[in-house]
Amino acid sequence: MSYKNKGVNSDRQEKGYYSDELKRRWVMAVSQPGASLSKVAQQQGVSVSALSKWCKQYRQPEAATLLPIAIQPAENPSAATETTDDSLAPQE
């Protein structure tokens, strides 16, 4: 049985090597509604583990949302260094 001319991966350079553009297209295909990693991997003739690795490699991390904060100076700076919690005191 020969798998050479299946026509699945016409963008394939040689056995085991795929262009970055092709990998990115497959990663985008996985993120489409109704698509799954295993389904896309099977359709493209690549292993699920390889496609999973490319998804981690090429997916853009979601941007973090930074919220503004206001820092108030302490009313009594010397009070900030005093501890009144007995649980922090050395035990005899």
PDB file of N, CA and C in Angstrom:
ATOM      1  N   MET A   1       0.847  -1.168   0.000  1.00  0.00           N
ATOM      2  CA  MET A   1       0.000   0.000   0.000  1.00  0.00           C
ATOM      3  C   MET A   1       0.898   1.238   0.000  1.00  0.00           C
ATOM      4  N   SER A   2       0.646   2.163  -0.886  1.00  0.00           N
ATOM      5  CA  SER A   2       1.456   3.361  -1.008  1.00  0.00           C
ATOM      6  C   SER A   2       0.627   4.589  -0.660  1.00  0.00           C
ATOM      7  N   TYR A   3       1.228   5.478   0.115  1.00  0.00           N
ATOM      8  CA  TYR A   3       0.559   6.699   0.504  1.00  0.00           C
ATOM      9  C   TYR A   3       1.148   7.918  -0.203  1.00  0.00           C
ATOM     10  N   LYS A   4       2.048   7.702  -1.134  1.00  0.00           N
ATOM     11  CA  LYS A   4       2.777   8.796  -1.755  1.00  0.00           C
ATOM     12  C   LYS A   4       1.897   9.822  -2.444  1.00  0.00           C
ATOM     13  N   ASN A   5       0.967   9.408  -3.260  1.00  0.00           N
ATOM     14  CA  ASN A   5       0.209  10.345  -4.081  1.00  0.00           C
ATOM     15  C   ASN A   5      -1.235  10.504  -3.629  1.00  0.00           C
ATOM     16  N   LYS A   6      -1.442  10.631  -2.339  1.00  0.00           N
ATOM     17  CA  LYS A   6      -2.806  10.824  -1.846  1.00  0.00           C
ATOM     18  C   LYS A   6      -3.333  12.206  -2.175  1.00  0.00           C
ATOM     19  N   GLY A   7      -2.445  13.171  -2.416  1.00  0.00           N
ATOM     20  CA  GLY A   7      -2.882  14.518  -2.751  1.00  0.00           C
ATOM     21  C   GLY A   7      -3.380  15.325  -1.573  1.00  0.00           C
ATOM     22  N   VAL A   8      -3.180  14.807  -0.386  1.00  0.00           N
ATOM     23  CA  VAL A   8      -3.679  15.500   0.803  1.00  0.00           C
ATOM     24  C   VAL A   8      -2.862  16.750   1.080  1.00  0.00           C
ATOM     25  N   ASN A   9      -1.550  16.639   1.005  1.00  0.00           N
ATOM     26  CA  ASN A   9      -0.674  17.749   1.380  1.00  0.00           C
ATOM     27  C   ASN A   9       0.140  18.219   0.187  1.00  0.00           C
ATOM     28  N   SER A  10      -0.466  18.973  -0.697  1.00  0.00           N
ATOM     29  CA  SER A  10       0.252  19.456  -1.866  1.00  0.00           C
ATOM     30  C   SER A  10       1.288  20.515  -1.488  1.00  0.00           C
ATOM     31  N   ASP A  11       1.152  21.160  -0.309  1.00  0.00           N
ATOM     32  CA  ASP A  11       2.111  22.171   0.137  1.00  0.00           C
ATOM     33  C   ASP A  11       3.275  21.551   0.898  1.00  0.00           C
ATOM     34  N   ARG A  12       3.258  20.273   1.041  1.00  0.00           N
ATOM     35  CA  ARG A  12       4.275  19.574   1.800  1.00  0.00           C
ATOM     36  C   ARG A  12       5.596  19.620   1.044  1.00  0.00           C
ATOM     37  N   GLN A  13       6.671  20.017   1.720  1.00  0.00           N
ATOM     38  CA  GLN A  13       7.965  20.116   1.061  1.00  0.00           C
ATOM     39  C   GLN A  13       8.600  18.745   0.896  1.00  0.00           C
ATOM     40  N   GLU A  14       8.765  18.030   1.957  1.00  0.00           N
ATOM     41  CA  GLU A  14       9.246  16.662   1.934  1.00  0.00           C
ATOM     42  C   GLU A  14       8.763  15.990   3.205  1.00  0.00           C
ATOM     43  N   LYS A  15       8.934  14.691   3.313  1.00  0.00           N
ATOM     44  CA  LYS A  15       8.371  13.936   4.427  1.00  0.00           C
ATOM     45  C   LYS A  15       8.688  14.575   5.784  1.00  0.00           C
ATOM     46  N   GLY A  16       7.628  14.941   6.495  1.00  0.00           N
ATOM     47  CA  GLY A  16       7.774  15.461   7.836  1.00  0.00           C
ATOM     48  C   GLY A  16       8.022  16.951   7.948  1.00  0.00           C
ATOM     49  N   TYR A  17       8.129  17.652   6.843  1.00  0.00           N
ATOM     50  CA  TYR A  17       8.400  19.090   6.904  1.00  0.00           C
ATOM     51  C   TYR A  17       7.267  19.865   6.261  1.00  0.00           C
ATOM     52  N   TYR A  18       6.710  20.791   7.011  1.00  0.00           N
ATOM     53  CA  TYR A  18       5.606  21.609   6.533  1.00  0.00           C
ATOM     54  C   TYR A  18       5.991  23.077   6.704  1.00  0.00           C
ATOM     55  N   SER A  19       5.534  23.904   5.801  1.00  0.00           N
ATOM     56  CA  SER A  19       5.845  25.329   5.890  1.00  0.00           C
ATOM     57  C   SER A  19       5.119  25.943   7.087  1.00  0.00           C
ATOM     58  N   ASP A  20       5.666  27.046   7.584  1.00  0.00           N
ATOM     59  CA  ASP A  20       5.015  27.751   8.694  1.00  0.00           C
ATOM     60  C   ASP A  20       3.627  28.220   8.288  1.00  0.00           C
ATOM     61  N   GLU A  21       3.488  28.657   7.049  1.00  0.00           N
ATOM     62  CA  GLU A  21       2.179  29.125   6.579  1.00  0.00           C
ATOM     63  C   GLU A  21       1.146  28.000   6.626  1.00  0.00           C
ATOM     64  N   LEU A  22       1.545  26.813   6.206  1.00  0.00           N
ATOM     65  CA  LEU A  22       0.635  25.671   6.203  1.00  0.00           C
ATOM     66  C   LEU A  22       0.239  25.294   7.636  1.00  0.00           C
ATOM     67  N   LYS A  23       1.219  25.273   8.525  1.00  0.00           N
ATOM     68  CA  LYS A  23       0.925  24.959   9.928  1.00  0.00           C
ATOM     69  C   LYS A  23      -0.047  25.976  10.512  1.00  0.00           C
ATOM     70  N   ARG A  24       0.169  27.253  10.196  1.00  0.00           N
ATOM     71  CA  ARG A  24      -0.724  28.303  10.706  1.00  0.00           C
ATOM     72  C   ARG A  24      -2.145  28.132  10.167  1.00  0.00           C
ATOM     73  N   ARG A  25      -2.270  27.742   8.904  1.00  0.00           N
ATOM     74  CA  ARG A  25      -3.608  27.510   8.339  1.00  0.00           C
ATOM     75  C   ARG A  25      -4.309  26.387   9.075  1.00  0.00           C
ATOM     76  N   TRP A  26      -3.577  25.325   9.381  1.00  0.00           N
ATOM     77  CA  TRP A  26      -4.183  24.201  10.094  1.00  0.00           C
ATOM     78  C   TRP A  26      -4.564  24.593  11.511  1.00  0.00           C
ATOM     79  N   VAL A  27      -3.732  25.402  12.157  1.00  0.00           N
ATOM     80  CA  VAL A  27      -4.057  25.886  13.502  1.00  0.00           C
ATOM     81  C   VAL A  27      -5.331  26.730  13.456  1.00  0.00           C
ATOM     82  N   MET A  28      -5.448  27.590  12.434  1.00  0.00           N
ATOM     83  CA  MET A  28      -6.663  28.405  12.271  1.00  0.00           C
ATOM     84  C   MET A  28      -7.875  27.501  12.035  1.00  0.00           C
ATOM     85  N   ALA A  29      -7.689  26.423  11.281  1.00  0.00           N
ATOM     86  CA  ALA A  29      -8.791  25.504  10.999  1.00  0.00           C
ATOM     87  C   ALA A  29      -9.295  24.845  12.281  1.00  0.00           C
ATOM     88  N   VAL A  30      -8.396  24.549  13.204  1.00  0.00           N
ATOM     89  CA  VAL A  30      -8.788  23.924  14.475  1.00  0.00           C
ATOM     90  C   VAL A  30      -9.671  24.867  15.282  1.00  0.00           C
ATOM     91  N   SER A  31      -9.442  26.176  15.171  1.00  0.00           N
ATOM     92  CA  SER A  31     -10.204  27.132  15.979  1.00  0.00           C
ATOM     93  C   SER A  31     -11.559  27.498  15.375  1.00  0.00           C
ATOM     94  N   GLN A  32     -11.889  26.960  14.218  1.00  0.00           N
ATOM     95  CA  GLN A  32     -13.181  27.247  13.588  1.00  0.00           C
ATOM     96  C   GLN A  32     -14.302  26.506  14.317  1.00  0.00           C
ATOM     97  N   PRO A  33     -15.511  27.080  14.346  1.00  0.00           N
ATOM     98  CA  PRO A  33     -16.643  26.410  15.000  1.00  0.00           C
ATOM     99  C   PRO A  33     -16.900  25.034  14.376  1.00  0.00           C
ATOM    100  N   GLY A  34     -17.071  24.043  15.220  1.00  0.00           N
ATOM    101  CA  GLY A  34     -17.362  22.689  14.773  1.00  0.00           C
ATOM    102  C   GLY A  34     -16.133  21.867  14.437  1.00  0.00           C
ATOM    103  N   ALA A  35     -14.967  22.492  14.418  1.00  0.00           N
ATOM    104  CA  ALA A  35     -13.727  21.762  14.107  1.00  0.00           C
ATOM    105  C   ALA A  35     -13.159  21.162  15.385  1.00  0.00           C
ATOM    106  N   SER A  36     -12.407  20.096  15.205  1.00  0.00           N
ATOM    107  CA  SER A  36     -11.708  19.508  16.344  1.00  0.00           C
ATOM    108  C   SER A  36     -10.290  19.194  15.907  1.00  0.00           C
ATOM    109  N   LEU A  37      -9.425  19.088  16.876  1.00  0.00           N
ATOM    110  CA  LEU A  37      -8.021  18.796  16.614  1.00  0.00           C
ATOM    111  C   LEU A  37      -7.881  17.488  15.842  1.00  0.00           C
ATOM    112  N   SER A  38      -8.567  16.449  16.301  1.00  0.00           N
ATOM    113  CA  SER A  38      -8.439  15.148  15.653  1.00  0.00           C
ATOM    114  C   SER A  38      -9.025  15.150  14.241  1.00  0.00           C
ATOM    115  N   LYS A  39     -10.123  15.871  14.055  1.00  0.00           N
ATOM    116  CA  LYS A  39     -10.756  15.937  12.739  1.00  0.00           C
ATOM    117  C   LYS A  39      -9.844  16.633  11.726  1.00  0.00           C
ATOM    118  N   VAL A  40      -9.279  17.774  12.107  1.00  0.00           N
ATOM    119  CA  VAL A  40      -8.386  18.518  11.206  1.00  0.00           C
ATOM    120  C   VAL A  40      -7.122  17.700  10.936  1.00  0.00           C
ATOM    121  N   ALA A  41      -6.561  17.077  11.955  1.00  0.00           N
ATOM    122  CA  ALA A  41      -5.354  16.268  11.778  1.00  0.00           C
ATOM    123  C   ALA A  41      -5.616  15.133  10.794  1.00  0.00           C
ATOM    124  N   GLN A  42      -6.740  14.468  10.943  1.00  0.00           N
ATOM    125  CA  GLN A  42      -7.080  13.357  10.047  1.00  0.00           C
ATOM    126  C   GLN A  42      -7.282  13.856   8.622  1.00  0.00           C
ATOM    127  N   GLN A  43      -7.975  14.983   8.455  1.00  0.00           N
ATOM    128  CA  GLN A  43      -8.213  15.524   7.117  1.00  0.00           C
ATOM    129  C   GLN A  43      -6.914  15.915   6.415  1.00  0.00           C
ATOM    130  N   GLN A  44      -5.944  16.390   7.182  1.00  0.00           N
ATOM    131  CA  GLN A  44      -4.693  16.863   6.589  1.00  0.00           C
ATOM    132  C   GLN A  44      -3.603  15.799   6.561  1.00  0.00           C
ATOM    133  N   GLY A  45      -3.854  14.666   7.167  1.00  0.00           N
ATOM    134  CA  GLY A  45      -2.885  13.577   7.143  1.00  0.00           C
ATOM    135  C   GLY A  45      -1.685  13.804   8.048  1.00  0.00           C
ATOM    136  N   VAL A  46      -1.906  14.504   9.172  1.00  0.00           N
ATOM    137  CA  VAL A  46      -0.834  14.716  10.147  1.00  0.00           C
ATOM    138  C   VAL A  46      -1.264  14.132  11.482  1.00  0.00           C
ATOM    139  N   SER A  47      -0.311  13.916  12.353  1.00  0.00           N
ATOM    140  CA  SER A  47      -0.648  13.340  13.650  1.00  0.00           C
ATOM    141  C   SER A  47      -1.283  14.397  14.558  1.00  0.00           C
ATOM    142  N   VAL A  48      -2.120  13.918  15.458  1.00  0.00           N
ATOM    143  CA  VAL A  48      -2.785  14.802  16.414  1.00  0.00           C
ATOM    144  C   VAL A  48      -1.733  15.476  17.297  1.00  0.00           C
ATOM    145  N   SER A  49      -0.703  14.728  17.687  1.00  0.00           N
ATOM    146  CA  SER A  49       0.326  15.306  18.558  1.00  0.00           C
ATOM    147  C   SER A  49       1.092  16.426  17.856  1.00  0.00           C
ATOM    148  N   ALA A  50       1.381  16.259  16.562  1.00  0.00           N
ATOM    149  CA  ALA A  50       2.076  17.323  15.820  1.00  0.00           C
ATOM    150  C   ALA A  50       1.194  18.557  15.714  1.00  0.00           C
ATOM    151  N   LEU A  51      -0.079  18.364  15.379  1.00  0.00           N
ATOM    152  CA  LEU A  51      -0.995  19.497  15.249  1.00  0.00           C
ATOM    153  C   LEU A  51      -1.187  20.192  16.593  1.00  0.00           C
ATOM    154  N   SER A  52      -1.251  19.424  17.653  1.00  0.00           N
ATOM    155  CA  SER A  52      -1.384  19.993  18.998  1.00  0.00           C
ATOM    156  C   SER A  52      -0.171  20.856  19.330  1.00  0.00           C
ATOM    157  N   LYS A  53       1.021  20.373  19.000  1.00  0.00           N
ATOM    158  CA  LYS A  53       2.249  21.131  19.235  1.00  0.00           C
ATOM    159  C   LYS A  53       2.230  22.441  18.450  1.00  0.00           C
ATOM    160  N   TRP A  54       1.788  22.391  17.198  1.00  0.00           N
ATOM    161  CA  TRP A  54       1.728  23.597  16.368  1.00  0.00           C
ATOM    162  C   TRP A  54       0.697  24.586  16.910  1.00  0.00           C
ATOM    163  N   CYS A  55      -0.406  24.064  17.458  1.00  0.00           N
ATOM    164  CA  CYS A  55      -1.422  24.954  18.054  1.00  0.00           C
ATOM    165  C   CYS A  55      -0.810  25.731  19.211  1.00  0.00           C
ATOM    166  N   LYS A  56      -0.051  25.062  20.056  1.00  0.00           N
ATOM    167  CA  LYS A  56       0.598  25.741  21.180  1.00  0.00           C
ATOM    168  C   LYS A  56       1.632  26.746  20.675  1.00  0.00           C
ATOM    169  N   GLN A  57       2.314  26.390  19.594  1.00  0.00           N
ATOM    170  CA  GLN A  57       3.380  27.228  19.057  1.00  0.00           C
ATOM    171  C   GLN A  57       2.847  28.476  18.353  1.00  0.00           C
ATOM    172  N   TYR A  58       1.761  28.343  17.586  1.00  0.00           N
ATOM    173  CA  TYR A  58       1.305  29.427  16.720  1.00  0.00           C
ATOM    174  C   TYR A  58       0.116  30.225  17.228  1.00  0.00           C
ATOM    175  N   ARG A  59      -0.599  29.721  18.216  1.00  0.00           N
ATOM    176  CA  ARG A  59      -1.750  30.482  18.713  1.00  0.00           C
ATOM    177  C   ARG A  59      -1.267  31.705  19.448  1.00  0.00           C
ATOM    178  N   GLN A  60      -1.957  32.806  19.211  1.00  0.00           N
ATOM    179  CA  GLN A  60      -1.624  34.056  19.882  1.00  0.00           C
ATOM    180  C   GLN A  60      -2.199  34.017  21.296  1.00  0.00           C
ATOM    181  N   PRO A  61      -1.386  34.338  22.300  1.00  0.00           N
ATOM    182  CA  PRO A  61      -1.962  34.398  23.649  1.00  0.00           C
ATOM    183  C   PRO A  61      -2.941  35.561  23.726  1.00  0.00           C
ATOM    184  N   GLU A  62      -3.988  35.362  24.482  1.00  0.00           N
ATOM    185  CA  GLU A  62      -4.970  36.431  24.637  1.00  0.00           C
ATOM    186  C   GLU A  62      -4.340  37.575  25.420  1.00  0.00           C
ATOM    187  N   ALA A  63      -4.624  38.760  24.991  1.00  0.00           N
ATOM    188  CA  ALA A  63      -4.055  39.933  25.642  1.00  0.00           C
ATOM    189  C   ALA A  63      -4.597  40.059  27.064  1.00  0.00           C
ATOM    190  N   ALA A  64      -3.718  40.355  27.969  1.00  0.00           N
ATOM    191  CA  ALA A  64      -4.128  40.555  29.357  1.00  0.00           C
ATOM    192  C   ALA A  64      -4.794  41.916  29.489  1.00  0.00           C
ATOM    193  N   THR A  65      -5.784  41.969  30.322  1.00  0.00           N
ATOM    194  CA  THR A  65      -6.452  43.233  30.583  1.00  0.00           C
ATOM    195  C   THR A  65      -5.866  43.825  31.851  1.00  0.00           C
ATOM    196  N   LEU A  66      -5.269  44.984  31.702  1.00  0.00           N
ATOM    197  CA  LEU A  66      -4.698  45.657  32.859  1.00  0.00           C
ATOM    198  C   LEU A  66      -5.682  46.709  33.345  1.00  0.00           C
ATOM    199  N   LEU A  67      -5.914  46.693  34.635  1.00  0.00           N
ATOM    200  CA  LEU A  67      -6.846  47.642  35.232  1.00  0.00           C
ATOM    201  C   LEU A  67      -6.067  48.654  36.047  1.00  0.00           C
ATOM    202  N   PRO A  68      -6.460  49.910  35.990  1.00  0.00           N
ATOM    203  CA  PRO A  68      -5.745  50.924  36.776  1.00  0.00           C
ATOM    204  C   PRO A  68      -6.046  50.760  38.267  1.00  0.00           C
ATOM    205  N   ILE A  69      -5.047  51.053  39.057  1.00  0.00           N
ATOM    206  CA  ILE A  69      -5.240  51.027  40.515  1.00  0.00           C
ATOM    207  C   ILE A  69      -4.721  52.346  41.080  1.00  0.00           C
ATOM    208  N   ALA A  70      -5.221  52.713  42.225  1.00  0.00           N
ATOM    209  CA  ALA A  70      -4.756  53.915  42.909  1.00  0.00           C
ATOM    210  C   ALA A  70      -4.112  53.485  44.212  1.00  0.00           C
ATOM    211  N   ILE A  71      -2.911  53.961  44.448  1.00  0.00           N
ATOM    212  CA  ILE A  71      -2.200  53.635  45.679  1.00  0.00           C
ATOM    213  C   ILE A  71      -2.249  54.850  46.585  1.00  0.00           C
ATOM    214  N   GLN A  72      -2.790  54.643  47.750  1.00  0.00           N
ATOM    215  CA  GLN A  72      -2.919  55.714  48.742  1.00  0.00           C
ATOM    216  C   GLN A  72      -1.744  55.623  49.709  1.00  0.00           C
ATOM    217  N   PRO A  73      -1.113  56.741  50.018  1.00  0.00           N
ATOM    218  CA  PRO A  73      -0.045  56.700  51.031  1.00  0.00           C
ATOM    219  C   PRO A  73      -0.647  56.395  52.398  1.00  0.00           C
ATOM    220  N   ALA A  74       0.113  55.718  53.218  1.00  0.00           N
ATOM    221  CA  ALA A  74      -0.342  55.388  54.570  1.00  0.00           C
ATOM    222  C   ALA A  74      -0.489  56.662  55.383  1.00  0.00           C
ATOM    223  N   GLU A  75      -1.539  56.725  56.199  1.00  0.00           N
ATOM    224  CA  GLU A  75      -1.766  57.917  57.025  1.00  0.00           C
ATOM    225  C   GLU A  75      -0.681  58.058  58.084  1.00  0.00           C
ATOM    226  N   ASN A  76      -0.267  56.934  58.648  1.00  0.00           N
ATOM    227  CA  ASN A  76       0.767  56.940  59.679  1.00  0.00           C
ATOM    228  C   ASN A  76       1.822  55.910  59.252  1.00  0.00           C
ATOM    229  N   PRO A  77       2.874  56.333  58.550  1.00  0.00           N
ATOM    230  CA  PRO A  77       3.858  55.386  58.026  1.00  0.00           C
ATOM    231  C   PRO A  77       4.494  54.501  59.085  1.00  0.00           C
ATOM    232  N   SER A  78       4.702  54.981  60.300  1.00  0.00           N
ATOM    233  CA  SER A  78       5.324  54.151  61.340  1.00  0.00           C
ATOM    234  C   SER A  78       4.378  53.040  61.786  1.00  0.00           C
ATOM    235  N   ALA A  79       3.073  53.244  61.668  1.00  0.00           N
ATOM    236  CA  ALA A  79       2.095  52.231  62.063  1.00  0.00           C
ATOM    237  C   ALA A  79       2.128  51.044  61.104  1.00  0.00           C
ATOM    238  N   ALA A  80       2.573  51.264  59.903  1.00  0.00           N
ATOM    239  CA  ALA A  80       2.596  50.184  58.915  1.00  0.00           C
ATOM    240  C   ALA A  80       3.637  49.139  59.257  1.00  0.00           C
ATOM    241  N   THR A  81       4.673  49.503  60.019  1.00  0.00           N
ATOM    242  CA  THR A  81       5.723  48.544  60.355  1.00  0.00           C
ATOM    243  C   THR A  81       5.465  47.841  61.673  1.00  0.00           C
ATOM    244  N   GLU A  82       4.554  48.341  62.479  1.00  0.00           N
ATOM    245  CA  GLU A  82       4.237  47.714  63.760  1.00  0.00           C
ATOM    246  C   GLU A  82       3.320  46.522  63.543  1.00  0.00           C
ATOM    247  N   THR A  83       3.567  45.449  64.305  1.00  0.00           N
ATOM    248  CA  THR A  83       2.674  44.297  64.236  1.00  0.00           C
ATOM    249  C   THR A  83       1.935  44.197  65.568  1.00  0.00           C
ATOM    250  N   THR A  84       0.665  44.005  65.465  1.00  0.00           N
ATOM    251  CA  THR A  84      -0.143  43.840  66.683  1.00  0.00           C
ATOM    252  C   THR A  84      -0.736  42.449  66.742  1.00  0.00           C
ATOM    253  N   ASP A  85      -0.437  41.615  65.751  1.00  0.00           N
ATOM    254  CA  ASP A  85      -0.987  40.264  65.698  1.00  0.00           C
ATOM    255  C   ASP A  85      -0.145  39.361  66.608  1.00  0.00           C
ATOM    256  N   ASP A  86      -0.749  38.819  67.652  1.00  0.00           N
ATOM    257  CA  ASP A  86      -0.030  37.956  68.592  1.00  0.00           C
ATOM    258  C   ASP A  86       0.460  36.662  67.957  1.00  0.00           C
ATOM    259  N   SER A  87      -0.142  36.250  66.869  1.00  0.00           N
ATOM    260  CA  SER A  87       0.272  34.998  66.238  1.00  0.00           C
ATOM    261  C   SER A  87       1.651  35.136  65.596  1.00  0.00           C
ATOM    262  N   LEU A  88       2.122  36.372  65.371  1.00  0.00           N
ATOM    263  CA  LEU A  88       3.427  36.600  64.781  1.00  0.00           C
ATOM    264  C   LEU A  88       4.521  36.733  65.822  1.00  0.00           C
ATOM    265  N   ALA A  89       4.131  36.859  67.074  1.00  0.00           N
ATOM    266  CA  ALA A  89       5.102  37.017  68.155  1.00  0.00           C
ATOM    267  C   ALA A  89       5.797  35.678  68.428  1.00  0.00           C
ATOM    268  N   PRO A  90       7.096  35.735  68.816  1.00  0.00           N
ATOM    269  CA  PRO A  90       7.802  34.474  69.115  1.00  0.00           C
ATOM    270  C   PRO A  90       7.142  33.760  70.297  1.00  0.00           C
ATOM    271  N   GLN A  91       7.058  32.457  70.188  1.00  0.00           N
ATOM    272  CA  GLN A  91       6.430  31.653  71.236  1.00  0.00           C
ATOM    273  C   GLN A  91       7.466  31.250  72.258  1.00  0.00           C
ATOM    274  N   GLU A  92       7.100  31.273  73.536  1.00  0.00           N
ATOM    275  CA  GLU A  92       8.040  30.913  74.605  1.00  0.00           C
ATOM    276  C   GLU A  92       7.857  29.493  75.033  1.00  0.00           C
TER     277      GLU A  92
END
